[in-house]
């Protein structure tokens, strides 16, 4: 498939070591399970470059592994060229959302920015909380929220909602 044939999705959080790489891994697994590998491309980035080149947080990887995920992407910072490369840029919280909108130079770029929780179907959270300073329950909550929102996002991308 050519570039125009693929839907490209970018998940964004602050450091790109917990929430956004987890969303990336979850959506990639859903894509594979639904035989959509050639139709949807997924990546993740952070609003900061603090952890550039690092694997996701070891706690997030461990919790993900227990659910059958492989969170193995490397952290990278968001940059303005991402607006050209991606069709949807999904923010994990309101701060990320506002930061992404401030990077957008055109109305078209602004329409690409969405909130992760916009795709939630079972939860009423208005953001995906950062689990970095929380314990196991924080990581589990984030995975619950992301599994739900990624399933909703996939339905949206397939035109089912």
Protein backbone atom coordinates (compact mmCIF):
# COMPACT_ATOMS: atom_id res chain seq x y z
CA UNK A 1 0.00 0.00 0.00
CA UNK A 2 1.18 3.49 -0.77
CA UNK A 3 1.41 6.33 1.70
CA UNK A 4 -2.07 7.63 0.86
CA UNK A 5 -3.55 4.21 1.52
CA UNK A 6 -2.36 4.00 5.13
CA UNK A 7 -3.86 5.68 8.14
CA UNK A 8 -1.07 6.99 10.37
CA UNK A 9 -1.61 7.46 14.11
CA UNK A 10 0.77 9.09 16.60
CA UNK A 11 0.26 8.85 20.37
CA UNK A 12 1.77 11.63 22.50
CA UNK A 13 2.43 11.97 26.23
CA UNK A 14 4.99 13.95 28.20
CA UNK A 15 8.08 11.73 28.19
CA UNK A 16 7.11 8.93 25.77
CA UNK A 17 8.05 6.22 28.28
CA UNK A 18 4.70 5.21 29.83
CA UNK A 19 1.37 6.15 28.29
CA UNK A 20 2.10 6.79 24.62
CA UNK A 21 4.33 3.74 24.04
CA UNK A 22 1.74 1.60 25.84
CA UNK A 23 -1.00 2.97 23.57
CA UNK A 24 1.26 2.29 20.59
CA UNK A 25 1.82 -1.32 21.65
CA UNK A 26 -1.84 -1.94 22.44
CA UNK A 27 -3.06 -0.54 19.12
CA UNK A 28 -0.38 -2.47 17.20
CA UNK A 29 -1.60 -5.69 18.78
CA UNK A 30 -5.22 -4.87 17.91
CA UNK A 31 -4.18 -4.06 14.35
CA UNK A 32 -2.40 -7.42 14.02
CA UNK A 33 -5.35 -9.31 15.54
CA UNK A 34 -7.65 -7.68 12.99
CA UNK A 35 -5.31 -8.28 10.03
CA UNK A 36 -4.90 -4.55 9.40
CA UNK A 37 -1.09 -4.44 9.39
CA UNK A 38 -0.85 -2.80 5.97
CA UNK A 39 -3.66 -0.34 6.59
CA UNK A 40 -2.69 1.43 9.82
CA UNK A 41 0.72 2.64 11.00
CA UNK A 42 1.30 3.55 14.65
CA UNK A 43 4.05 5.44 16.46
CA UNK A 44 4.50 7.45 19.65
CA UNK A 45 6.35 10.54 20.82
CA UNK A 46 6.81 12.77 23.84
CA UNK A 47 6.45 16.49 24.34
CA UNK A 48 9.88 16.43 25.97
CA UNK A 49 13.19 14.90 24.89
CA UNK A 50 14.16 13.89 28.44
CA UNK A 51 14.12 10.17 27.65
CA UNK A 52 15.05 10.23 23.96
CA UNK A 53 16.25 6.82 22.78
CA UNK A 54 15.13 4.99 25.92
CA UNK A 55 12.80 2.00 26.11
CA UNK A 56 9.48 2.49 27.89
CA UNK A 57 9.54 2.52 31.70
CA UNK A 58 10.40 -0.95 33.03
CA UNK A 59 7.25 -0.99 35.18
CA UNK A 60 5.03 -0.27 32.17
CA UNK A 61 6.80 -2.98 30.18
CA UNK A 62 6.32 -5.47 33.03
CA UNK A 63 2.61 -4.69 33.45
CA UNK A 64 2.13 -4.83 29.70
CA UNK A 65 3.92 -8.17 29.43
CA UNK A 66 1.43 -9.63 31.94
CA UNK A 67 -1.33 -8.70 29.48
CA UNK A 68 0.49 -10.05 26.44
CA UNK A 69 1.96 -6.78 25.11
CA UNK A 70 5.48 -5.99 23.98
CA UNK A 71 6.20 -2.33 24.63
CA UNK A 72 9.53 -1.99 22.85
CA UNK A 73 9.50 1.34 21.03
CA UNK A 74 12.21 3.93 21.72
CA UNK A 75 11.33 7.34 23.09
CA UNK A 76 11.51 10.28 20.74
CA UNK A 77 10.37 13.88 20.98
CA UNK A 78 7.41 15.22 19.02
CA UNK A 79 8.35 17.62 16.25
CA UNK A 80 6.37 19.79 13.84
CA UNK A 81 7.07 17.42 10.91
CA UNK A 82 4.83 14.90 12.67
CA UNK A 83 1.87 16.96 11.45
CA UNK A 84 2.87 16.05 7.89
CA UNK A 85 3.52 12.38 8.63
CA UNK A 86 0.43 11.52 10.69
CA UNK A 87 -3.31 11.69 10.12
CA UNK A 88 -4.21 11.56 13.82
CA UNK A 89 -2.16 12.85 16.72
CA UNK A 90 -3.61 11.56 19.97
CA UNK A 91 -2.84 13.35 23.27
CA UNK A 92 -2.93 11.52 26.59
CA UNK A 93 -3.94 14.50 28.73
CA UNK A 94 -5.05 18.12 28.53
CA UNK A 95 -1.53 19.50 28.88
CA UNK A 96 -0.29 17.39 25.95
CA UNK A 97 -3.38 18.40 23.97
CA UNK A 98 -2.76 22.12 24.55
CA UNK A 99 0.94 21.76 23.73
CA UNK A 100 0.16 19.96 20.47
CA UNK A 101 -2.36 22.61 19.46
CA UNK A 102 0.27 25.29 20.13
CA UNK A 103 2.60 23.54 17.65
CA UNK A 104 -0.11 23.39 14.96
CA UNK A 105 0.35 26.05 12.30
CA UNK A 106 -2.86 25.53 10.33
CA UNK A 107 -6.48 24.59 10.97
CA UNK A 108 -5.82 21.30 9.15
CA UNK A 109 -3.05 20.46 11.61
CA UNK A 110 -5.28 21.38 14.55
CA UNK A 111 -7.99 18.98 13.35
CA UNK A 112 -5.48 16.10 13.54
CA UNK A 113 -5.08 16.55 17.31
CA UNK A 114 -7.44 14.48 19.44
CA UNK A 115 -7.70 13.38 23.07
CA UNK A 116 -7.20 9.68 23.83
CA UNK A 117 -10.26 9.63 26.06
CA UNK A 118 -12.43 10.81 23.15
CA UNK A 119 -12.35 7.16 22.06
CA UNK A 120 -13.22 5.63 25.45
CA UNK A 121 -16.35 3.51 25.48
CA UNK A 122 -16.46 2.11 29.04
CA UNK A 123 -14.70 4.74 31.16
CA UNK A 124 -15.54 8.36 31.91
CA UNK A 125 -12.01 9.61 32.66
CA UNK A 126 -11.23 12.89 30.93
CA UNK A 127 -7.53 12.05 30.55
CA UNK A 128 -5.08 9.18 30.78
CA UNK A 129 -3.23 9.79 34.08
CA UNK A 130 0.55 9.64 34.17
CA UNK A 131 1.46 6.51 36.18
CA UNK A 132 5.14 7.43 36.55
CA UNK A 133 4.89 8.37 40.24
CA UNK A 134 2.20 5.85 41.13
CA UNK A 135 2.37 2.23 42.14
CA UNK A 136 1.13 -0.91 40.42
CA UNK A 137 -2.49 0.22 40.55
CA UNK A 138 -1.63 3.34 38.54
CA UNK A 139 -0.06 1.30 35.75
CA UNK A 140 -2.97 -1.13 35.74
CA UNK A 141 -5.50 1.72 35.53
CA UNK A 142 -3.63 3.26 32.60
CA UNK A 143 -3.60 -0.07 30.78
CA UNK A 144 -7.34 -0.53 31.41
CA UNK A 145 -8.06 2.96 30.06
CA UNK A 146 -5.77 2.51 27.05
CA UNK A 147 -7.18 -0.90 26.13
CA UNK A 148 -10.67 0.59 26.11
CA UNK A 149 -9.72 3.75 24.21
CA UNK A 150 -7.57 1.87 21.67
CA UNK A 151 -10.49 -0.47 20.92
CA UNK A 152 -12.71 2.59 20.42
CA UNK A 153 -10.05 4.27 18.26
CA UNK A 154 -9.78 1.19 16.04
CA UNK A 155 -13.55 1.19 15.56
CA UNK A 156 -13.33 4.88 14.64
CA UNK A 157 -10.51 4.26 12.16
CA UNK A 158 -12.53 1.45 10.56
CA UNK A 159 -15.53 3.77 10.24
CA UNK A 160 -17.62 1.77 12.67
CA UNK A 161 -18.38 4.73 14.96
